[in-house]
Amino acid sequence: MVQLPRLYAILDAACFPDAAAMFAAAEQLTAGGATLLQYRNKSASARQMLEDARELKRLVGTRVRFVMNDRADLALAAGFDGLHIGQDDLSPEAARPIIGPNLWLGVSTHNPEQIAEADKTDADYLAIGPVFATTSKANPDPVLGLEGVRRARELTRKPLVAIGGITRSNARSVIEAGADSVAVISDLIRDPCKSAEAFFEVLR
C-alpha cells in the first residue's frame, strides 16, 4: 500500500501567470517540505504539458514524487511517478495497462457510490471531494463536508486524499475525519515555502 504524505500539493498551471512562476513555486514547495506534487494543466497542448512536466522533473524530481493529472501517456513520457484520473477520464482499468504496475494510480471520487466503485479497482489511492466550497474548479460537485470524508473512510481501506477548499485552518479537522492526506491548491500559492511549512506544522 502506498504511503501518502500528509500534504498533497497540486500545481495547477491556471493559478500561475506563466510556467516560470509555476517552476519557482515547485522549488519553494519542495524547500518547504512537500514530497508529493501533482501537475495539473487543463488548457495547454500535450507538447507544452510534456515540456513543463519534464522541466518540473528536472528541477525537483529527485526530491519529490510527481503525479500527472489526467494524461497517462504524458505521465510515462515525463518519467513521472504516478497518474491521477477523474471520473470523466480514462478508467482505472484502462489506465493501469498504460502506466504499468509501478506507477501510483489515484482516482477522484465525489460520492459514496463512486468511492465504493473505485475501491474495487487497483487504484493505489482515492481522492474524495470537494470537502468544502472551492474556487479551483469551474463546475464543482456538491460539497461533502467532513461527514463525506468520514463516510468515504468507512467505504475504503485505500489511502484517502481529501480535496476541495482545504486551508491551514481546516486541514487538521479533515485528517481527524479520516483522510490520510489533504490536497491543496489555493492556500499554497502565496509564499509556497512558508505555506507548506505551515501546513506541516498543523498536520503533525
N, C-alpha and C. Protein backbone atom coordinates (compact mmCIF):
# COMPACT_ATOMS: atom_id res chain seq x y z
N MET A 1 0.85 -1.21 0.00
CA MET A 1 0.00 0.00 0.00
C MET A 1 0.88 1.25 0.00
N VAL A 2 0.50 2.22 -0.83
CA VAL A 2 1.31 3.44 -0.92
C VAL A 2 1.19 4.25 0.38
N GLN A 3 2.25 4.96 0.67
CA GLN A 3 2.29 5.80 1.87
C GLN A 3 2.21 7.25 1.42
N LEU A 4 1.06 7.87 1.63
CA LEU A 4 0.89 9.26 1.20
C LEU A 4 1.40 10.21 2.27
N PRO A 5 2.07 11.29 1.85
CA PRO A 5 2.42 12.33 2.82
C PRO A 5 1.16 13.07 3.25
N ARG A 6 1.21 13.75 4.38
CA ARG A 6 0.04 14.49 4.86
C ARG A 6 -0.40 15.58 3.87
N LEU A 7 0.58 16.18 3.18
CA LEU A 7 0.27 17.26 2.24
C LEU A 7 0.45 16.77 0.81
N TYR A 8 -0.62 16.87 0.03
CA TYR A 8 -0.61 16.51 -1.39
C TYR A 8 -0.75 17.83 -2.14
N ALA A 9 0.37 18.39 -2.55
CA ALA A 9 0.37 19.71 -3.16
C ALA A 9 0.06 19.61 -4.66
N ILE A 10 -0.84 20.47 -5.12
CA ILE A 10 -1.20 20.47 -6.54
C ILE A 10 -0.74 21.76 -7.20
N LEU A 11 0.03 21.60 -8.27
CA LEU A 11 0.48 22.72 -9.08
C LEU A 11 -0.49 22.84 -10.25
N ASP A 12 -1.42 23.77 -10.16
CA ASP A 12 -2.39 23.99 -11.23
C ASP A 12 -1.89 25.13 -12.09
N ALA A 13 -1.57 24.84 -13.34
CA ALA A 13 -0.99 25.85 -14.22
C ALA A 13 -1.87 27.10 -14.33
N ALA A 14 -3.18 26.93 -14.17
CA ALA A 14 -4.10 28.06 -14.29
C ALA A 14 -3.93 29.07 -13.16
N CYS A 15 -3.25 28.68 -12.10
CA CYS A 15 -3.07 29.57 -10.94
C CYS A 15 -1.83 30.44 -11.05
N PHE A 16 -1.05 30.26 -12.11
CA PHE A 16 0.21 30.99 -12.24
C PHE A 16 0.22 31.82 -13.52
N PRO A 17 0.88 32.98 -13.49
CA PRO A 17 0.91 33.84 -14.68
C PRO A 17 1.66 33.22 -15.84
N ASP A 18 2.65 32.38 -15.53
CA ASP A 18 3.42 31.72 -16.58
C ASP A 18 4.11 30.49 -15.99
N ALA A 19 4.75 29.74 -16.87
CA ALA A 19 5.40 28.50 -16.45
C ALA A 19 6.54 28.77 -15.46
N ALA A 20 7.25 29.88 -15.66
CA ALA A 20 8.37 30.20 -14.78
C ALA A 20 7.90 30.35 -13.33
N ALA A 21 6.74 30.98 -13.15
CA ALA A 21 6.20 31.15 -11.80
C ALA A 21 5.82 29.80 -11.20
N MET A 22 5.30 28.91 -12.02
CA MET A 22 4.94 27.57 -11.54
C MET A 22 6.20 26.79 -11.15
N PHE A 23 7.25 26.91 -11.97
CA PHE A 23 8.50 26.21 -11.64
C PHE A 23 9.08 26.73 -10.31
N ALA A 24 9.01 28.05 -10.13
CA ALA A 24 9.52 28.64 -8.89
C ALA A 24 8.72 28.13 -7.70
N ALA A 25 7.39 28.01 -7.87
CA ALA A 25 6.53 27.52 -6.79
C ALA A 25 6.88 26.07 -6.45
N ALA A 26 7.18 25.27 -7.47
CA ALA A 26 7.55 23.87 -7.23
C ALA A 26 8.81 23.79 -6.38
N GLU A 27 9.78 24.64 -6.70
CA GLU A 27 11.02 24.64 -5.92
C GLU A 27 10.77 25.11 -4.48
N GLN A 28 9.91 26.11 -4.33
CA GLN A 28 9.62 26.62 -2.99
C GLN A 28 8.84 25.61 -2.15
N LEU A 29 7.87 24.94 -2.79
CA LEU A 29 7.10 23.91 -2.08
C LEU A 29 8.02 22.80 -1.58
N THR A 30 8.94 22.42 -2.44
CA THR A 30 9.89 21.36 -2.07
C THR A 30 10.76 21.83 -0.91
N ALA A 31 11.21 23.08 -0.97
CA ALA A 31 12.01 23.63 0.12
C ALA A 31 11.21 23.66 1.42
N GLY A 32 9.89 23.79 1.30
CA GLY A 32 9.02 23.83 2.47
C GLY A 32 8.65 22.46 3.01
N GLY A 33 9.14 21.41 2.35
CA GLY A 33 8.92 20.07 2.86
C GLY A 33 7.99 19.19 2.05
N ALA A 34 7.38 19.72 0.99
CA ALA A 34 6.48 18.90 0.16
C ALA A 34 7.26 17.76 -0.50
N THR A 35 6.68 16.58 -0.47
CA THR A 35 7.34 15.41 -1.08
C THR A 35 6.49 14.78 -2.17
N LEU A 36 5.32 15.36 -2.43
CA LEU A 36 4.44 14.87 -3.49
C LEU A 36 3.79 16.06 -4.16
N LEU A 37 3.96 16.15 -5.47
CA LEU A 37 3.38 17.25 -6.25
C LEU A 37 2.60 16.69 -7.43
N GLN A 38 1.40 17.21 -7.63
CA GLN A 38 0.65 16.86 -8.82
C GLN A 38 0.69 18.02 -9.79
N TYR A 39 1.00 17.71 -11.05
CA TYR A 39 0.99 18.73 -12.10
C TYR A 39 -0.35 18.65 -12.83
N ARG A 40 -1.07 19.76 -12.80
CA ARG A 40 -2.40 19.82 -13.41
C ARG A 40 -2.45 20.95 -14.41
N ASN A 41 -2.86 20.64 -15.64
CA ASN A 41 -2.97 21.66 -16.67
C ASN A 41 -4.12 21.27 -17.59
N LYS A 42 -5.19 22.04 -17.53
CA LYS A 42 -6.41 21.70 -18.27
C LYS A 42 -6.50 22.39 -19.63
N SER A 43 -5.53 23.24 -19.96
CA SER A 43 -5.70 24.04 -21.17
C SER A 43 -4.55 23.96 -22.17
N ALA A 44 -3.37 23.55 -21.74
CA ALA A 44 -2.21 23.55 -22.64
C ALA A 44 -2.24 22.37 -23.61
N SER A 45 -1.45 22.49 -24.66
CA SER A 45 -1.30 21.38 -25.60
C SER A 45 -0.50 20.26 -24.93
N ALA A 46 -0.59 19.07 -25.49
CA ALA A 46 0.17 17.95 -24.95
C ALA A 46 1.66 18.24 -24.99
N ARG A 47 2.12 18.90 -26.04
CA ARG A 47 3.54 19.22 -26.16
C ARG A 47 3.99 20.15 -25.05
N GLN A 48 3.18 21.19 -24.79
CA GLN A 48 3.52 22.15 -23.73
C GLN A 48 3.50 21.48 -22.37
N MET A 49 2.50 20.65 -22.14
CA MET A 49 2.42 19.93 -20.86
C MET A 49 3.64 19.05 -20.65
N LEU A 50 4.06 18.38 -21.70
CA LEU A 50 5.22 17.50 -21.58
C LEU A 50 6.49 18.30 -21.30
N GLU A 51 6.64 19.42 -21.99
CA GLU A 51 7.80 20.29 -21.74
C GLU A 51 7.82 20.76 -20.29
N ASP A 52 6.67 21.23 -19.81
CA ASP A 52 6.59 21.72 -18.43
C ASP A 52 6.85 20.58 -17.43
N ALA A 53 6.28 19.43 -17.72
CA ALA A 53 6.44 18.28 -16.82
C ALA A 53 7.90 17.86 -16.72
N ARG A 54 8.57 17.85 -17.86
CA ARG A 54 9.99 17.45 -17.86
C ARG A 54 10.85 18.48 -17.12
N GLU A 55 10.48 19.75 -17.25
CA GLU A 55 11.23 20.79 -16.54
C GLU A 55 11.00 20.69 -15.04
N LEU A 56 9.75 20.42 -14.64
CA LEU A 56 9.46 20.22 -13.21
C LEU A 56 10.28 19.06 -12.67
N LYS A 57 10.31 17.99 -13.42
CA LYS A 57 11.05 16.79 -13.00
C LYS A 57 12.54 17.10 -12.90
N ARG A 58 13.05 17.87 -13.86
CA ARG A 58 14.47 18.23 -13.83
C ARG A 58 14.81 19.08 -12.62
N LEU A 59 13.91 20.00 -12.28
CA LEU A 59 14.19 20.94 -11.19
C LEU A 59 14.16 20.28 -9.81
N VAL A 60 13.13 19.48 -9.55
CA VAL A 60 12.96 18.96 -8.18
C VAL A 60 12.62 17.47 -8.13
N GLY A 61 12.72 16.81 -9.27
CA GLY A 61 12.26 15.43 -9.34
C GLY A 61 13.00 14.44 -8.48
N THR A 62 14.22 14.76 -8.08
CA THR A 62 14.94 13.83 -7.21
C THR A 62 14.47 13.92 -5.76
N ARG A 63 13.74 14.99 -5.44
CA ARG A 63 13.33 15.22 -4.04
C ARG A 63 11.85 14.94 -3.80
N VAL A 64 11.06 14.87 -4.87
CA VAL A 64 9.62 14.66 -4.70
C VAL A 64 9.11 13.60 -5.67
N ARG A 65 7.95 13.06 -5.35
CA ARG A 65 7.21 12.24 -6.29
C ARG A 65 6.31 13.15 -7.10
N PHE A 66 6.27 12.93 -8.41
CA PHE A 66 5.40 13.71 -9.28
C PHE A 66 4.26 12.87 -9.81
N VAL A 67 3.06 13.43 -9.73
CA VAL A 67 1.86 12.78 -10.27
C VAL A 67 1.30 13.65 -11.39
N MET A 68 0.99 13.02 -12.51
CA MET A 68 0.40 13.73 -13.65
C MET A 68 -1.12 13.66 -13.57
N ASN A 69 -1.78 14.79 -13.77
CA ASN A 69 -3.24 14.80 -13.78
C ASN A 69 -3.74 14.43 -15.18
N ASP A 70 -4.64 13.49 -15.24
CA ASP A 70 -5.40 13.11 -16.45
C ASP A 70 -4.65 12.27 -17.49
N ARG A 71 -3.41 12.60 -17.80
CA ARG A 71 -2.79 12.06 -19.01
C ARG A 71 -1.81 10.92 -18.72
N ALA A 72 -2.26 9.71 -18.97
CA ALA A 72 -1.41 8.54 -18.75
C ALA A 72 -0.18 8.56 -19.65
N ASP A 73 -0.37 8.97 -20.91
CA ASP A 73 0.74 9.00 -21.86
C ASP A 73 1.82 9.97 -21.42
N LEU A 74 1.40 11.13 -20.93
CA LEU A 74 2.38 12.14 -20.51
C LEU A 74 3.07 11.76 -19.19
N ALA A 75 2.33 11.06 -18.32
CA ALA A 75 2.95 10.58 -17.08
C ALA A 75 4.14 9.69 -17.41
N LEU A 76 3.96 8.84 -18.39
CA LEU A 76 5.05 7.95 -18.81
C LEU A 76 6.16 8.72 -19.50
N ALA A 77 5.78 9.56 -20.45
CA ALA A 77 6.78 10.28 -21.25
C ALA A 77 7.64 11.21 -20.40
N ALA A 78 7.05 11.77 -19.34
CA ALA A 78 7.79 12.71 -18.49
C ALA A 78 8.58 12.00 -17.39
N GLY A 79 8.39 10.70 -17.28
CA GLY A 79 9.08 9.96 -16.22
C GLY A 79 8.52 10.25 -14.85
N PHE A 80 7.20 10.52 -14.79
CA PHE A 80 6.56 10.82 -13.51
C PHE A 80 6.36 9.54 -12.70
N ASP A 81 5.96 9.72 -11.45
CA ASP A 81 5.82 8.60 -10.52
C ASP A 81 4.40 8.10 -10.38
N GLY A 82 3.44 8.86 -10.96
CA GLY A 82 2.06 8.45 -10.82
C GLY A 82 1.13 9.20 -11.75
N LEU A 83 -0.11 8.75 -11.78
CA LEU A 83 -1.17 9.33 -12.60
C LEU A 83 -2.41 9.51 -11.73
N HIS A 84 -3.09 10.65 -11.89
CA HIS A 84 -4.35 10.86 -11.18
C HIS A 84 -5.44 11.10 -12.21
N ILE A 85 -6.53 10.34 -12.10
CA ILE A 85 -7.60 10.44 -13.07
C ILE A 85 -8.92 10.80 -12.39
N GLY A 86 -9.77 11.50 -13.16
CA GLY A 86 -11.08 11.89 -12.66
C GLY A 86 -12.15 10.95 -13.19
N GLN A 87 -13.38 11.24 -12.87
CA GLN A 87 -14.50 10.40 -13.28
C GLN A 87 -14.74 10.45 -14.79
N ASP A 88 -14.29 11.51 -15.44
CA ASP A 88 -14.51 11.65 -16.88
C ASP A 88 -13.28 11.31 -17.71
N ASP A 89 -12.24 10.81 -17.07
CA ASP A 89 -11.02 10.45 -17.78
C ASP A 89 -11.00 8.95 -18.07
N LEU A 90 -9.84 8.45 -18.40
CA LEU A 90 -9.66 7.01 -18.55
C LEU A 90 -10.14 6.30 -17.29
N SER A 91 -10.66 5.10 -17.45
CA SER A 91 -11.00 4.31 -16.27
C SER A 91 -9.72 3.75 -15.66
N PRO A 92 -9.73 3.40 -14.38
CA PRO A 92 -8.55 2.78 -13.78
C PRO A 92 -8.13 1.52 -14.54
N GLU A 93 -9.12 0.77 -15.01
CA GLU A 93 -8.83 -0.47 -15.74
C GLU A 93 -8.12 -0.19 -17.05
N ALA A 94 -8.43 0.94 -17.68
CA ALA A 94 -7.78 1.31 -18.94
C ALA A 94 -6.42 1.96 -18.69
N ALA A 95 -6.32 2.68 -17.56
CA ALA A 95 -5.08 3.41 -17.28
C ALA A 95 -3.94 2.49 -16.85
N ARG A 96 -4.27 1.50 -16.05
CA ARG A 96 -3.21 0.66 -15.47
C ARG A 96 -2.32 -0.02 -16.51
N PRO A 97 -2.89 -0.61 -17.59
CA PRO A 97 -2.01 -1.23 -18.58
C PRO A 97 -1.07 -0.23 -19.26
N ILE A 98 -1.51 1.04 -19.34
CA ILE A 98 -0.68 2.06 -19.98
C ILE A 98 0.49 2.44 -19.07
N ILE A 99 0.22 2.68 -17.80
CA ILE A 99 1.27 3.17 -16.90
C ILE A 99 2.08 2.05 -16.26
N GLY A 100 1.57 0.82 -16.35
CA GLY A 100 2.31 -0.30 -15.77
C GLY A 100 2.04 -0.47 -14.29
N PRO A 101 2.66 -1.47 -13.68
CA PRO A 101 2.35 -1.81 -12.29
C PRO A 101 3.01 -0.93 -11.24
N ASN A 102 4.03 -0.18 -11.63
CA ASN A 102 4.84 0.51 -10.62
C ASN A 102 4.44 1.95 -10.34
N LEU A 103 3.79 2.60 -11.29
CA LEU A 103 3.37 3.98 -11.05
C LEU A 103 2.14 4.01 -10.17
N TRP A 104 2.09 5.01 -9.31
CA TRP A 104 0.90 5.20 -8.47
C TRP A 104 -0.29 5.58 -9.36
N LEU A 105 -1.46 5.10 -8.99
CA LEU A 105 -2.68 5.45 -9.70
C LEU A 105 -3.70 5.96 -8.69
N GLY A 106 -4.13 7.21 -8.87
CA GLY A 106 -5.14 7.81 -8.00
C GLY A 106 -6.42 8.10 -8.76
N VAL A 107 -7.55 8.03 -8.08
CA VAL A 107 -8.85 8.24 -8.71
C VAL A 107 -9.66 9.24 -7.89
N SER A 108 -10.23 10.24 -8.57
CA SER A 108 -11.11 11.20 -7.90
C SER A 108 -12.51 10.63 -7.75
N THR A 109 -13.10 10.84 -6.59
CA THR A 109 -14.49 10.43 -6.35
C THR A 109 -15.23 11.57 -5.66
N HIS A 110 -16.56 11.56 -5.81
CA HIS A 110 -17.34 12.69 -5.30
C HIS A 110 -18.58 12.28 -4.51
N ASN A 111 -18.76 10.98 -4.33
CA ASN A 111 -19.90 10.50 -3.56
C ASN A 111 -19.64 9.06 -3.12
N PRO A 112 -20.45 8.53 -2.21
CA PRO A 112 -20.21 7.17 -1.71
C PRO A 112 -20.24 6.10 -2.80
N GLU A 113 -21.09 6.28 -3.81
CA GLU A 113 -21.18 5.29 -4.89
C GLU A 113 -19.86 5.22 -5.66
N GLN A 114 -19.29 6.39 -5.95
CA GLN A 114 -18.02 6.41 -6.69
C GLN A 114 -16.88 5.86 -5.85
N ILE A 115 -16.90 6.14 -4.55
CA ILE A 115 -15.87 5.58 -3.66
C ILE A 115 -15.94 4.05 -3.68
N ALA A 116 -17.15 3.52 -3.53
CA ALA A 116 -17.32 2.06 -3.50
C ALA A 116 -16.87 1.43 -4.80
N GLU A 117 -17.16 2.10 -5.92
CA GLU A 117 -16.77 1.58 -7.24
C GLU A 117 -15.25 1.62 -7.39
N ALA A 118 -14.65 2.75 -7.03
CA ALA A 118 -13.19 2.91 -7.18
C ALA A 118 -12.44 1.98 -6.24
N ASP A 119 -13.05 1.66 -5.12
CA ASP A 119 -12.40 0.76 -4.16
C ASP A 119 -12.17 -0.63 -4.74
N LYS A 120 -13.00 -1.01 -5.71
CA LYS A 120 -12.88 -2.35 -6.32
C LYS A 120 -11.75 -2.41 -7.35
N THR A 121 -11.25 -1.26 -7.78
CA THR A 121 -10.20 -1.22 -8.79
C THR A 121 -8.82 -1.38 -8.14
N ASP A 122 -7.79 -1.41 -8.96
CA ASP A 122 -6.44 -1.49 -8.38
C ASP A 122 -5.80 -0.11 -8.23
N ALA A 123 -6.65 0.92 -8.12
CA ALA A 123 -6.13 2.26 -7.79
C ALA A 123 -5.36 2.19 -6.48
N ASP A 124 -4.26 2.94 -6.40
CA ASP A 124 -3.43 2.93 -5.19
C ASP A 124 -3.98 3.83 -4.10
N TYR A 125 -4.67 4.90 -4.50
CA TYR A 125 -5.29 5.78 -3.52
C TYR A 125 -6.53 6.40 -4.14
N LEU A 126 -7.43 6.89 -3.30
CA LEU A 126 -8.65 7.53 -3.76
C LEU A 126 -8.71 8.95 -3.22
N ALA A 127 -9.25 9.85 -4.02
CA ALA A 127 -9.46 11.22 -3.58
C ALA A 127 -10.96 11.45 -3.41
N ILE A 128 -11.33 12.18 -2.38
CA ILE A 128 -12.74 12.49 -2.12
C ILE A 128 -12.92 13.99 -1.99
N GLY A 129 -13.94 14.53 -2.65
CA GLY A 129 -14.18 15.95 -2.55
C GLY A 129 -15.27 16.42 -3.50
N PRO A 130 -15.60 17.69 -3.48
CA PRO A 130 -14.98 18.70 -2.62
C PRO A 130 -15.49 18.64 -1.17
N VAL A 131 -14.55 18.72 -0.25
CA VAL A 131 -14.91 18.69 1.17
C VAL A 131 -15.57 20.01 1.55
N PHE A 132 -14.97 21.11 1.11
CA PHE A 132 -15.52 22.44 1.36
C PHE A 132 -15.70 23.14 0.01
N ALA A 133 -16.34 24.29 0.01
CA ALA A 133 -16.52 25.05 -1.23
C ALA A 133 -15.16 25.40 -1.82
N THR A 134 -15.05 25.30 -3.14
CA THR A 134 -13.76 25.54 -3.79
C THR A 134 -13.93 26.44 -5.00
N THR A 135 -12.90 27.20 -5.30
CA THR A 135 -12.91 28.05 -6.50
C THR A 135 -11.99 27.49 -7.57
N SER A 136 -11.39 26.32 -7.30
CA SER A 136 -10.40 25.78 -8.23
C SER A 136 -11.01 24.99 -9.38
N LYS A 137 -12.31 24.72 -9.30
CA LYS A 137 -12.98 24.02 -10.39
C LYS A 137 -14.15 24.85 -10.89
N ALA A 138 -14.33 24.84 -12.21
CA ALA A 138 -15.39 25.65 -12.81
C ALA A 138 -16.78 25.17 -12.41
N ASN A 139 -16.99 23.85 -12.43
CA ASN A 139 -18.29 23.28 -12.07
C ASN A 139 -18.10 22.20 -11.02
N PRO A 140 -17.84 22.59 -9.77
CA PRO A 140 -17.55 21.59 -8.74
C PRO A 140 -18.76 20.74 -8.39
N ASP A 141 -18.49 19.53 -7.93
CA ASP A 141 -19.54 18.66 -7.44
C ASP A 141 -20.05 19.20 -6.10
N PRO A 142 -21.20 18.67 -5.64
CA PRO A 142 -21.73 19.14 -4.35
C PRO A 142 -20.74 18.96 -3.20
N VAL A 143 -20.72 19.96 -2.31
CA VAL A 143 -19.82 19.91 -1.16
C VAL A 143 -20.22 18.77 -0.23
N LEU A 144 -19.22 18.01 0.23
CA LEU A 144 -19.47 16.81 1.04
C LEU A 144 -19.32 17.05 2.53
N GLY A 145 -18.51 18.04 2.89
CA GLY A 145 -18.26 18.30 4.30
C GLY A 145 -17.45 17.20 4.96
N LEU A 146 -17.18 17.37 6.24
CA LEU A 146 -16.40 16.39 6.98
C LEU A 146 -17.13 15.05 7.07
N GLU A 147 -18.45 15.11 7.05
CA GLU A 147 -19.23 13.86 7.10
C GLU A 147 -18.97 13.01 5.86
N GLY A 148 -18.76 13.69 4.71
CA GLY A 148 -18.44 12.98 3.48
C GLY A 148 -17.10 12.27 3.57
N VAL A 149 -16.15 12.89 4.25
CA VAL A 149 -14.84 12.26 4.46
C VAL A 149 -15.00 11.04 5.37
N ARG A 150 -15.76 11.19 6.43
CA ARG A 150 -15.98 10.06 7.36
C ARG A 150 -16.64 8.88 6.64
N ARG A 151 -17.62 9.19 5.79
CA ARG A 151 -18.31 8.14 5.05
C ARG A 151 -17.35 7.45 4.08
N ALA A 152 -16.54 8.24 3.41
CA ALA A 152 -15.56 7.67 2.47
C ALA A 152 -14.60 6.74 3.21
N ARG A 153 -14.18 7.17 4.41
CA ARG A 153 -13.26 6.35 5.20
C ARG A 153 -13.87 5.00 5.55
N GLU A 154 -15.17 4.98 5.78
CA GLU A 154 -15.86 3.73 6.09
C GLU A 154 -15.91 2.79 4.89
N LEU A 155 -15.85 3.35 3.69
CA LEU A 155 -16.07 2.56 2.49
C LEU A 155 -14.79 2.05 1.83
N THR A 156 -13.64 2.48 2.29
CA THR A 156 -12.40 2.01 1.67
C THR A 156 -11.26 1.93 2.68
N ARG A 157 -10.38 0.99 2.43
CA ARG A 157 -9.14 0.92 3.21
C ARG A 157 -7.97 1.51 2.44
N LYS A 158 -8.23 1.90 1.22
CA LYS A 158 -7.16 2.52 0.43
C LYS A 158 -6.82 3.89 1.03
N PRO A 159 -5.59 4.34 0.83
CA PRO A 159 -5.24 5.69 1.28
C PRO A 159 -6.21 6.71 0.69
N LEU A 160 -6.59 7.68 1.51
CA LEU A 160 -7.64 8.63 1.14
C LEU A 160 -7.11 10.06 1.16
N VAL A 161 -7.27 10.73 0.02
CA VAL A 161 -6.87 12.14 -0.10
C VAL A 161 -8.14 12.99 -0.13
N ALA A 162 -8.23 13.97 0.74
CA ALA A 162 -9.36 14.89 0.73
C ALA A 162 -8.98 16.13 -0.05
N ILE A 163 -9.92 16.64 -0.85
CA ILE A 163 -9.64 17.82 -1.68
C ILE A 163 -10.84 18.74 -1.71
N GLY A 164 -10.57 20.02 -1.92
CA GLY A 164 -11.65 20.99 -2.08
C GLY A 164 -11.75 21.97 -0.93
N GLY A 165 -11.24 23.17 -1.14
CA GLY A 165 -11.39 24.23 -0.15
C GLY A 165 -10.61 24.01 1.14
N ILE A 166 -9.57 23.18 1.07
CA ILE A 166 -8.81 22.87 2.29
C ILE A 166 -7.74 23.94 2.53
N THR A 167 -7.72 24.46 3.75
CA THR A 167 -6.78 25.51 4.14
C THR A 167 -6.08 25.10 5.44
N ARG A 168 -5.14 25.93 5.84
CA ARG A 168 -4.44 25.65 7.09
C ARG A 168 -5.40 25.62 8.29
N SER A 169 -6.48 26.38 8.19
CA SER A 169 -7.39 26.47 9.33
C SER A 169 -8.32 25.27 9.45
N ASN A 170 -8.55 24.54 8.36
CA ASN A 170 -9.46 23.39 8.46
C ASN A 170 -8.81 22.04 8.17
N ALA A 171 -7.53 22.04 7.80
CA ALA A 171 -6.86 20.80 7.38
C ALA A 171 -6.83 19.75 8.49
N ARG A 172 -6.59 20.18 9.71
CA ARG A 172 -6.50 19.23 10.83
C ARG A 172 -7.82 18.47 11.00
N SER A 173 -8.94 19.18 10.87
CA SER A 173 -10.25 18.55 11.05
C SER A 173 -10.51 17.51 9.96
N VAL A 174 -9.94 17.74 8.78
CA VAL A 174 -10.11 16.80 7.66
C VAL A 174 -9.35 15.50 7.94
N ILE A 175 -8.14 15.63 8.46
CA ILE A 175 -7.36 14.45 8.82
C ILE A 175 -8.06 13.69 9.94
N GLU A 176 -8.57 14.43 10.91
CA GLU A 176 -9.28 13.79 12.03
C GLU A 176 -10.55 13.08 11.59
N ALA A 177 -11.13 13.53 10.45
CA ALA A 177 -12.33 12.88 9.92
C ALA A 177 -12.01 11.59 9.18
N GLY A 178 -10.71 11.33 8.95
CA GLY A 178 -10.34 10.06 8.35
C GLY A 178 -9.46 10.12 7.12
N ALA A 179 -9.18 11.32 6.61
CA ALA A 179 -8.30 11.42 5.44
C ALA A 179 -6.85 11.15 5.84
N ASP A 180 -6.11 10.53 4.94
CA ASP A 180 -4.68 10.30 5.16
C ASP A 180 -3.86 11.50 4.72
N SER A 181 -4.43 12.26 3.79
CA SER A 181 -3.69 13.35 3.16
C SER A 181 -4.67 14.43 2.72
N VAL A 182 -4.19 15.68 2.66
CA VAL A 182 -5.03 16.77 2.15
C VAL A 182 -4.40 17.34 0.88
N ALA A 183 -5.22 17.45 -0.16
CA ALA A 183 -4.76 18.05 -1.42
C ALA A 183 -5.08 19.53 -1.39
N VAL A 184 -4.08 20.34 -1.70
CA VAL A 184 -4.23 21.80 -1.57
C VAL A 184 -3.71 22.48 -2.83
N ILE A 185 -4.48 23.45 -3.29
CA ILE A 185 -4.06 24.27 -4.43
C ILE A 185 -3.90 25.72 -3.97
N SER A 186 -5.04 26.37 -3.71
CA SER A 186 -5.07 27.82 -3.48
C SER A 186 -4.25 28.28 -2.28
N ASP A 187 -4.30 27.54 -1.17
CA ASP A 187 -3.67 28.01 0.06
C ASP A 187 -2.15 27.76 0.07
N LEU A 188 -1.62 27.33 -1.07
CA LEU A 188 -0.16 27.16 -1.17
C LEU A 188 0.47 28.17 -2.13
N ILE A 189 -0.37 28.94 -2.83
CA ILE A 189 0.15 29.79 -3.90
C ILE A 189 0.96 30.97 -3.36
N ARG A 190 0.46 31.58 -2.30
CA ARG A 190 1.16 32.76 -1.76
C ARG A 190 2.27 32.29 -0.84
N ASP A 191 3.51 32.63 -1.20
CA ASP A 191 4.69 32.22 -0.43
C ASP A 191 4.67 30.69 -0.20
N PRO A 192 4.84 29.91 -1.27
CA PRO A 192 4.69 28.46 -1.19
C PRO A 192 5.54 27.77 -0.13
N CYS A 193 6.76 28.23 0.06
CA CYS A 193 7.64 27.58 1.04
C CYS A 193 7.06 27.71 2.45
N LYS A 194 6.76 28.94 2.84
CA LYS A 194 6.20 29.17 4.18
C LYS A 194 4.82 28.52 4.34
N SER A 195 4.04 28.53 3.26
CA SER A 195 2.71 27.92 3.31
C SER A 195 2.81 26.42 3.55
N ALA A 196 3.72 25.76 2.83
CA ALA A 196 3.91 24.32 3.02
C ALA A 196 4.36 24.03 4.45
N GLU A 197 5.32 24.81 4.94
CA GLU A 197 5.81 24.62 6.31
C GLU A 197 4.67 24.78 7.32
N ALA A 198 3.79 25.74 7.06
CA ALA A 198 2.66 25.98 7.98
C ALA A 198 1.69 24.80 7.95
N PHE A 199 1.48 24.21 6.78
CA PHE A 199 0.61 23.03 6.70
C PHE A 199 1.20 21.87 7.51
N PHE A 200 2.48 21.65 7.34
CA PHE A 200 3.11 20.54 8.07
C PHE A 200 3.06 20.77 9.58
N GLU A 201 3.14 22.02 9.98
CA GLU A 201 3.04 22.37 11.39
C GLU A 201 1.64 21.97 11.93
N VAL A 202 0.64 22.27 11.15
CA VAL A 202 -0.75 21.98 11.53
C VAL A 202 -1.02 20.47 11.51
N LEU A 203 -0.39 19.79 10.57
CA LEU A 203 -0.72 18.38 10.31
C LEU A 203 0.17 17.39 11.06
N ARG A 204 1.06 17.87 11.90
CA ARG A 204 1.95 16.96 12.63
C ARG A 204 1.17 16.01 13.52
